[in-house]
Amino acid sequence: MTSSDDRTQAEDAVADETEAVLQELATSVALLPQAPAEEGEEQPEGAISIPVIEQEGQQYIPVFTSEEALREAGADVESAVELPIAELAANWPSDEMWLAVNPASEDGIGLPAEVVRMLPVYAGSSDEDEV
């Protein structure tokens, strides 16, 4: 086997692992931190606010895959909203916005908008399935 074959196998392994991570993420439910409403301001029933954090000029929407990860980031678990990640991805607000999954943890990841928008495909759902 040549080093070229080794490199191809390694690349395939990384691609398979990446796809598995994306599929697991796409079928997960995220906890989305919620900021308290401004004084005198009421949110409509069922409305959620999309939190945005900025790091080094890049904007991210933070989501957490567990209450523990949310707590470690210093967010309030009680006010967080549970939301399927595929649903959030299907309604992604901007090409400039990235998704930050468990941003306060060692194994946190950031995904650009073009990858986020592919998550519903990994979840196996589509708008055509909904009636």
N, C-alpha and C. Protein backbone atom coordinates (compact mmCIF):
# COMPACT_ATOMS: atom_id res chain seq x y z
N MET A 1 0.85 -1.17 0.00
CA MET A 1 0.00 0.00 0.00
C MET A 1 0.90 1.23 0.00
N THR A 2 0.57 2.21 -0.80
CA THR A 2 1.37 3.42 -0.90
C THR A 2 0.87 4.47 0.09
N SER A 3 1.68 5.50 0.29
CA SER A 3 1.26 6.57 1.20
C SER A 3 0.02 7.28 0.66
N SER A 4 -0.16 7.30 -0.65
CA SER A 4 -1.35 7.88 -1.26
C SER A 4 -2.59 7.09 -0.83
N ASP A 5 -2.49 5.76 -0.82
CA ASP A 5 -3.61 4.93 -0.37
C ASP A 5 -3.90 5.16 1.11
N ASP A 6 -2.84 5.30 1.92
CA ASP A 6 -3.01 5.57 3.34
C ASP A 6 -3.75 6.90 3.55
N ARG A 7 -3.35 7.90 2.78
CA ARG A 7 -3.97 9.22 2.89
C ARG A 7 -5.44 9.14 2.50
N THR A 8 -5.76 8.41 1.45
CA THR A 8 -7.15 8.27 1.01
C THR A 8 -7.98 7.58 2.07
N GLN A 9 -7.45 6.52 2.68
CA GLN A 9 -8.17 5.83 3.74
C GLN A 9 -8.39 6.74 4.94
N ALA A 10 -7.38 7.52 5.29
CA ALA A 10 -7.51 8.45 6.41
C ALA A 10 -8.57 9.51 6.10
N GLU A 11 -8.55 10.03 4.88
CA GLU A 11 -9.54 11.03 4.47
C GLU A 11 -10.95 10.44 4.51
N ASP A 12 -11.09 9.20 4.05
CA ASP A 12 -12.40 8.52 4.09
C ASP A 12 -12.87 8.34 5.53
N ALA A 13 -11.96 7.97 6.42
CA ALA A 13 -12.30 7.77 7.83
C ALA A 13 -12.77 9.09 8.46
N VAL A 14 -12.07 10.17 8.15
CA VAL A 14 -12.45 11.48 8.68
C VAL A 14 -13.82 11.89 8.12
N ALA A 15 -14.04 11.67 6.84
CA ALA A 15 -15.32 12.01 6.22
C ALA A 15 -16.46 11.21 6.85
N ASP A 16 -16.23 9.91 7.10
CA ASP A 16 -17.25 9.07 7.73
C ASP A 16 -17.54 9.55 9.15
N GLU A 17 -16.49 9.90 9.89
CA GLU A 17 -16.66 10.38 11.26
C GLU A 17 -17.41 11.71 11.27
N THR A 18 -17.07 12.61 10.36
CA THR A 18 -17.75 13.90 10.26
C THR A 18 -19.22 13.70 9.94
N GLU A 19 -19.50 12.81 9.01
CA GLU A 19 -20.89 12.54 8.65
C GLU A 19 -21.67 11.96 9.83
N ALA A 20 -21.06 11.09 10.60
CA ALA A 20 -21.71 10.51 11.78
C ALA A 20 -22.01 11.60 12.82
N VAL A 21 -21.07 12.51 13.02
CA VAL A 21 -21.27 13.61 13.97
C VAL A 21 -22.42 14.50 13.49
N LEU A 22 -22.44 14.83 12.21
CA LEU A 22 -23.50 15.68 11.68
C LEU A 22 -24.87 15.00 11.77
N GLN A 23 -24.91 13.70 11.52
CA GLN A 23 -26.17 12.98 11.61
C GLN A 23 -26.67 12.94 13.06
N GLU A 24 -25.76 12.69 14.00
CA GLU A 24 -26.15 12.67 15.41
C GLU A 24 -26.65 14.05 15.84
N LEU A 25 -25.94 15.07 15.44
CA LEU A 25 -26.32 16.44 15.77
C LEU A 25 -27.69 16.78 15.17
N ALA A 26 -27.89 16.41 13.92
CA ALA A 26 -29.12 16.74 13.21
C ALA A 26 -30.36 16.10 13.85
N THR A 27 -30.19 14.98 14.51
CA THR A 27 -31.32 14.29 15.13
C THR A 27 -31.44 14.60 16.62
N SER A 28 -30.63 15.54 17.10
CA SER A 28 -30.63 15.92 18.51
C SER A 28 -31.60 17.06 18.79
N VAL A 29 -31.91 17.18 20.06
CA VAL A 29 -32.68 18.32 20.54
C VAL A 29 -31.70 19.21 21.29
N ALA A 30 -31.72 20.49 20.98
CA ALA A 30 -30.80 21.43 21.61
C ALA A 30 -31.52 22.25 22.67
N LEU A 31 -30.73 22.72 23.59
CA LEU A 31 -31.21 23.71 24.55
C LEU A 31 -30.72 25.07 24.07
N LEU A 32 -31.65 25.98 23.86
CA LEU A 32 -31.35 27.30 23.35
C LEU A 32 -31.54 28.29 24.51
N PRO A 33 -30.45 28.91 24.97
CA PRO A 33 -30.59 29.86 26.09
C PRO A 33 -31.50 31.02 25.70
N GLN A 34 -32.26 31.49 26.67
CA GLN A 34 -33.17 32.61 26.44
C GLN A 34 -32.81 33.76 27.37
N ALA A 35 -32.72 34.95 26.82
CA ALA A 35 -32.51 36.14 27.64
C ALA A 35 -33.85 36.57 28.20
N PRO A 36 -33.85 37.07 29.42
CA PRO A 36 -35.12 37.56 29.96
C PRO A 36 -35.63 38.73 29.12
N ALA A 37 -36.94 38.85 29.02
CA ALA A 37 -37.54 39.95 28.25
C ALA A 37 -37.19 41.28 28.90
N GLU A 38 -37.02 42.29 28.06
CA GLU A 38 -36.75 43.64 28.56
C GLU A 38 -37.94 44.09 29.40
N GLU A 39 -37.67 44.92 30.39
CA GLU A 39 -38.73 45.43 31.25
C GLU A 39 -39.79 46.14 30.43
N GLY A 40 -41.05 45.76 30.66
CA GLY A 40 -42.15 46.36 29.92
C GLY A 40 -42.39 45.75 28.56
N GLU A 41 -41.58 44.77 28.18
CA GLU A 41 -41.70 44.13 26.86
C GLU A 41 -42.18 42.69 27.06
N GLU A 42 -43.21 42.32 26.32
CA GLU A 42 -43.71 40.95 26.40
C GLU A 42 -43.44 40.24 25.09
N GLN A 43 -43.00 38.98 25.22
CA GLN A 43 -42.79 38.18 24.01
C GLN A 43 -44.10 37.50 23.64
N PRO A 44 -44.41 37.42 22.36
CA PRO A 44 -45.62 36.71 21.94
C PRO A 44 -45.57 35.25 22.39
N GLU A 45 -46.72 34.68 22.65
CA GLU A 45 -46.81 33.27 23.06
C GLU A 45 -46.13 32.38 22.03
N GLY A 46 -45.26 31.49 22.49
CA GLY A 46 -44.58 30.55 21.61
C GLY A 46 -43.35 31.11 20.91
N ALA A 47 -43.09 32.41 21.09
CA ALA A 47 -41.93 33.02 20.43
C ALA A 47 -40.66 32.67 21.20
N ILE A 48 -39.58 32.52 20.47
CA ILE A 48 -38.28 32.31 21.10
C ILE A 48 -37.33 33.39 20.63
N SER A 49 -36.37 33.69 21.47
CA SER A 49 -35.36 34.64 21.04
C SER A 49 -34.12 33.84 20.65
N ILE A 50 -33.45 34.30 19.63
CA ILE A 50 -32.24 33.63 19.16
C ILE A 50 -31.04 34.39 19.74
N PRO A 51 -30.33 33.76 20.68
CA PRO A 51 -29.17 34.44 21.25
C PRO A 51 -28.02 34.45 20.24
N VAL A 52 -27.24 35.50 20.26
CA VAL A 52 -26.09 35.61 19.38
C VAL A 52 -24.88 35.99 20.21
N ILE A 53 -23.79 35.25 20.03
CA ILE A 53 -22.53 35.59 20.67
C ILE A 53 -21.54 35.93 19.57
N GLU A 54 -20.57 36.75 19.90
CA GLU A 54 -19.57 37.14 18.91
C GLU A 54 -18.18 36.84 19.46
N GLN A 55 -17.36 36.24 18.61
CA GLN A 55 -15.99 35.94 18.99
C GLN A 55 -15.10 36.21 17.78
N GLU A 56 -14.12 37.06 17.98
CA GLU A 56 -13.17 37.43 16.93
C GLU A 56 -13.88 37.86 15.64
N GLY A 57 -14.94 38.63 15.80
CA GLY A 57 -15.66 39.16 14.65
C GLY A 57 -16.66 38.22 14.01
N GLN A 58 -16.73 36.98 14.46
CA GLN A 58 -17.68 36.00 13.91
C GLN A 58 -18.87 35.88 14.85
N GLN A 59 -20.09 35.87 14.30
CA GLN A 59 -21.29 35.70 15.10
C GLN A 59 -21.73 34.24 15.10
N TYR A 60 -22.18 33.80 16.27
CA TYR A 60 -22.61 32.42 16.48
C TYR A 60 -23.95 32.40 17.21
N ILE A 61 -24.75 31.40 16.92
CA ILE A 61 -25.92 31.09 17.72
C ILE A 61 -25.52 29.89 18.58
N PRO A 62 -25.50 30.07 19.91
CA PRO A 62 -25.08 28.97 20.78
C PRO A 62 -26.23 28.03 21.11
N VAL A 63 -25.96 26.74 21.02
CA VAL A 63 -26.91 25.71 21.46
C VAL A 63 -26.14 24.70 22.31
N PHE A 64 -26.88 24.03 23.16
CA PHE A 64 -26.26 23.08 24.08
C PHE A 64 -26.99 21.75 23.99
N THR A 65 -26.22 20.67 24.08
CA THR A 65 -26.80 19.33 23.93
C THR A 65 -27.18 18.70 25.26
N SER A 66 -26.90 19.38 26.36
CA SER A 66 -27.30 18.86 27.67
C SER A 66 -27.44 20.01 28.66
N GLU A 67 -28.19 19.77 29.74
CA GLU A 67 -28.34 20.77 30.79
C GLU A 67 -26.98 21.06 31.43
N GLU A 68 -26.16 20.02 31.57
CA GLU A 68 -24.83 20.19 32.17
C GLU A 68 -23.98 21.16 31.34
N ALA A 69 -23.97 20.98 30.02
CA ALA A 69 -23.20 21.86 29.13
C ALA A 69 -23.72 23.29 29.22
N LEU A 70 -25.04 23.44 29.33
CA LEU A 70 -25.65 24.76 29.45
C LEU A 70 -25.24 25.43 30.76
N ARG A 71 -25.28 24.67 31.86
CA ARG A 71 -24.87 25.19 33.16
C ARG A 71 -23.41 25.62 33.16
N GLU A 72 -22.54 24.78 32.55
CA GLU A 72 -21.11 25.07 32.50
C GLU A 72 -20.83 26.39 31.77
N ALA A 73 -21.71 26.75 30.86
CA ALA A 73 -21.55 28.00 30.11
C ALA A 73 -22.10 29.19 30.89
N GLY A 74 -22.72 28.91 32.03
CA GLY A 74 -23.26 29.99 32.85
C GLY A 74 -24.65 30.44 32.46
N ALA A 75 -25.34 29.64 31.66
CA ALA A 75 -26.69 30.00 31.23
C ALA A 75 -27.73 29.39 32.18
N ASP A 76 -28.91 29.98 32.18
CA ASP A 76 -30.01 29.54 33.03
C ASP A 76 -30.77 28.39 32.37
N VAL A 77 -30.71 27.22 33.00
CA VAL A 77 -31.36 26.04 32.46
C VAL A 77 -32.88 26.21 32.45
N GLU A 78 -33.41 26.85 33.48
CA GLU A 78 -34.86 27.00 33.61
C GLU A 78 -35.48 27.80 32.48
N SER A 79 -34.76 28.78 31.94
CA SER A 79 -35.34 29.62 30.89
C SER A 79 -35.01 29.12 29.48
N ALA A 80 -34.17 28.10 29.38
CA ALA A 80 -33.79 27.57 28.06
C ALA A 80 -34.97 26.89 27.39
N VAL A 81 -34.96 26.93 26.07
CA VAL A 81 -36.01 26.32 25.26
C VAL A 81 -35.42 25.10 24.55
N GLU A 82 -36.17 23.99 24.56
CA GLU A 82 -35.75 22.80 23.81
C GLU A 82 -36.24 22.95 22.37
N LEU A 83 -35.34 22.65 21.44
CA LEU A 83 -35.67 22.82 20.03
C LEU A 83 -34.90 21.78 19.22
N PRO A 84 -35.57 21.04 18.33
CA PRO A 84 -34.83 20.12 17.47
C PRO A 84 -33.83 20.90 16.63
N ILE A 85 -32.59 20.42 16.59
CA ILE A 85 -31.55 21.12 15.85
C ILE A 85 -31.91 21.20 14.36
N ALA A 86 -32.51 20.15 13.83
CA ALA A 86 -32.90 20.17 12.41
C ALA A 86 -33.92 21.28 12.14
N GLU A 87 -34.81 21.54 13.09
CA GLU A 87 -35.80 22.62 12.93
C GLU A 87 -35.11 23.98 12.95
N LEU A 88 -34.19 24.17 13.87
CA LEU A 88 -33.42 25.42 13.91
C LEU A 88 -32.65 25.60 12.60
N ALA A 89 -32.03 24.54 12.13
CA ALA A 89 -31.24 24.59 10.91
C ALA A 89 -32.10 24.91 9.69
N ALA A 90 -33.31 24.38 9.65
CA ALA A 90 -34.21 24.61 8.52
C ALA A 90 -34.65 26.07 8.44
N ASN A 91 -34.54 26.79 9.56
CA ASN A 91 -34.94 28.19 9.61
C ASN A 91 -33.75 29.10 9.91
N TRP A 92 -32.58 28.70 9.45
CA TRP A 92 -31.34 29.41 9.76
C TRP A 92 -31.44 30.86 9.28
N PRO A 93 -31.10 31.83 10.15
CA PRO A 93 -31.36 33.23 9.83
C PRO A 93 -30.38 33.94 8.89
N SER A 94 -29.15 33.45 8.74
CA SER A 94 -28.19 34.25 7.99
C SER A 94 -27.03 33.40 7.47
N ASP A 95 -26.54 33.76 6.29
CA ASP A 95 -25.35 33.10 5.74
C ASP A 95 -24.09 33.46 6.52
N GLU A 96 -24.14 34.55 7.27
CA GLU A 96 -22.98 35.02 8.03
C GLU A 96 -22.91 34.40 9.43
N MET A 97 -24.01 33.79 9.88
CA MET A 97 -24.12 33.28 11.23
C MET A 97 -23.69 31.81 11.29
N TRP A 98 -22.87 31.47 12.27
CA TRP A 98 -22.45 30.09 12.50
C TRP A 98 -23.23 29.51 13.67
N LEU A 99 -23.24 28.19 13.78
CA LEU A 99 -23.83 27.49 14.90
C LEU A 99 -22.71 27.07 15.84
N ALA A 100 -22.82 27.41 17.11
CA ALA A 100 -21.85 26.99 18.12
C ALA A 100 -22.50 25.95 19.00
N VAL A 101 -22.03 24.70 18.91
CA VAL A 101 -22.59 23.61 19.70
C VAL A 101 -21.71 23.41 20.93
N ASN A 102 -22.31 23.56 22.11
CA ASN A 102 -21.60 23.46 23.38
C ASN A 102 -20.35 24.36 23.39
N PRO A 103 -20.53 25.66 23.14
CA PRO A 103 -19.37 26.53 22.96
C PRO A 103 -18.45 26.66 24.17
N ALA A 104 -18.92 26.37 25.37
CA ALA A 104 -18.06 26.52 26.55
C ALA A 104 -17.29 25.25 26.88
N SER A 105 -17.51 24.18 26.11
CA SER A 105 -16.87 22.92 26.45
C SER A 105 -15.67 22.63 25.55
N GLU A 106 -14.84 21.71 26.01
CA GLU A 106 -13.65 21.32 25.25
C GLU A 106 -14.00 20.72 23.90
N ASP A 107 -15.11 19.99 23.85
CA ASP A 107 -15.48 19.31 22.60
C ASP A 107 -16.53 20.10 21.80
N GLY A 108 -16.68 21.39 22.11
CA GLY A 108 -17.61 22.22 21.36
C GLY A 108 -17.16 22.36 19.91
N ILE A 109 -18.13 22.57 19.03
CA ILE A 109 -17.81 22.73 17.61
C ILE A 109 -18.56 23.93 17.05
N GLY A 110 -18.01 24.50 16.00
CA GLY A 110 -18.66 25.58 15.27
C GLY A 110 -18.90 25.14 13.84
N LEU A 111 -20.09 25.42 13.35
CA LEU A 111 -20.45 25.02 11.99
C LEU A 111 -20.88 26.25 11.19
N PRO A 112 -20.33 26.41 9.98
CA PRO A 112 -20.76 27.52 9.13
C PRO A 112 -22.18 27.30 8.61
N ALA A 113 -22.81 28.38 8.17
CA ALA A 113 -24.21 28.34 7.73
C ALA A 113 -24.47 27.27 6.67
N GLU A 114 -23.54 27.11 5.71
CA GLU A 114 -23.79 26.13 4.64
C GLU A 114 -23.86 24.70 5.17
N VAL A 115 -23.14 24.41 6.23
CA VAL A 115 -23.21 23.08 6.86
C VAL A 115 -24.47 22.98 7.72
N VAL A 116 -24.79 24.05 8.45
CA VAL A 116 -25.99 24.06 9.29
C VAL A 116 -27.23 23.79 8.44
N ARG A 117 -27.30 24.42 7.29
CA ARG A 117 -28.48 24.26 6.43
C ARG A 117 -28.61 22.86 5.85
N MET A 118 -27.55 22.06 5.91
CA MET A 118 -27.61 20.67 5.44
C MET A 118 -28.11 19.72 6.54
N LEU A 119 -28.16 20.17 7.78
CA LEU A 119 -28.54 19.29 8.89
C LEU A 119 -29.91 18.64 8.72
N PRO A 120 -30.94 19.34 8.22
CA PRO A 120 -32.23 18.65 8.04
C PRO A 120 -32.13 17.44 7.11
N VAL A 121 -31.23 17.48 6.15
CA VAL A 121 -31.02 16.34 5.26
C VAL A 121 -30.47 15.16 6.06
N TYR A 122 -29.51 15.44 6.94
CA TYR A 122 -28.96 14.39 7.80
C TYR A 122 -30.00 13.84 8.76
N ALA A 123 -30.96 14.65 9.14
CA ALA A 123 -32.01 14.20 10.05
C ALA A 123 -33.03 13.32 9.33
N GLY A 124 -32.97 13.35 7.99
CA GLY A 124 -33.90 12.53 7.21
C GLY A 124 -35.26 13.17 7.08
N SER A 125 -35.36 14.46 7.42
CA SER A 125 -36.65 15.14 7.30
C SER A 125 -36.60 16.11 6.14
N SER A 126 -37.77 16.37 5.60
CA SER A 126 -37.89 17.40 4.57
C SER A 126 -39.25 18.03 4.66
N ASP A 127 -39.39 19.20 4.07
CA ASP A 127 -40.68 19.88 4.06
C ASP A 127 -41.72 19.08 3.30
N GLU A 128 -41.28 18.25 2.34
CA GLU A 128 -42.21 17.46 1.55
C GLU A 128 -42.92 16.41 2.40
N ASP A 129 -42.26 15.97 3.51
CA ASP A 129 -42.85 14.95 4.37
C ASP A 129 -43.97 15.51 5.22
N GLU A 130 -43.96 16.82 5.45
CA GLU A 130 -44.96 17.44 6.31
C GLU A 130 -46.20 17.77 5.49
N VAL A 131 -47.36 17.45 6.06
CA VAL A 131 -48.61 17.73 5.36
C VAL A 131 -49.45 18.65 6.19
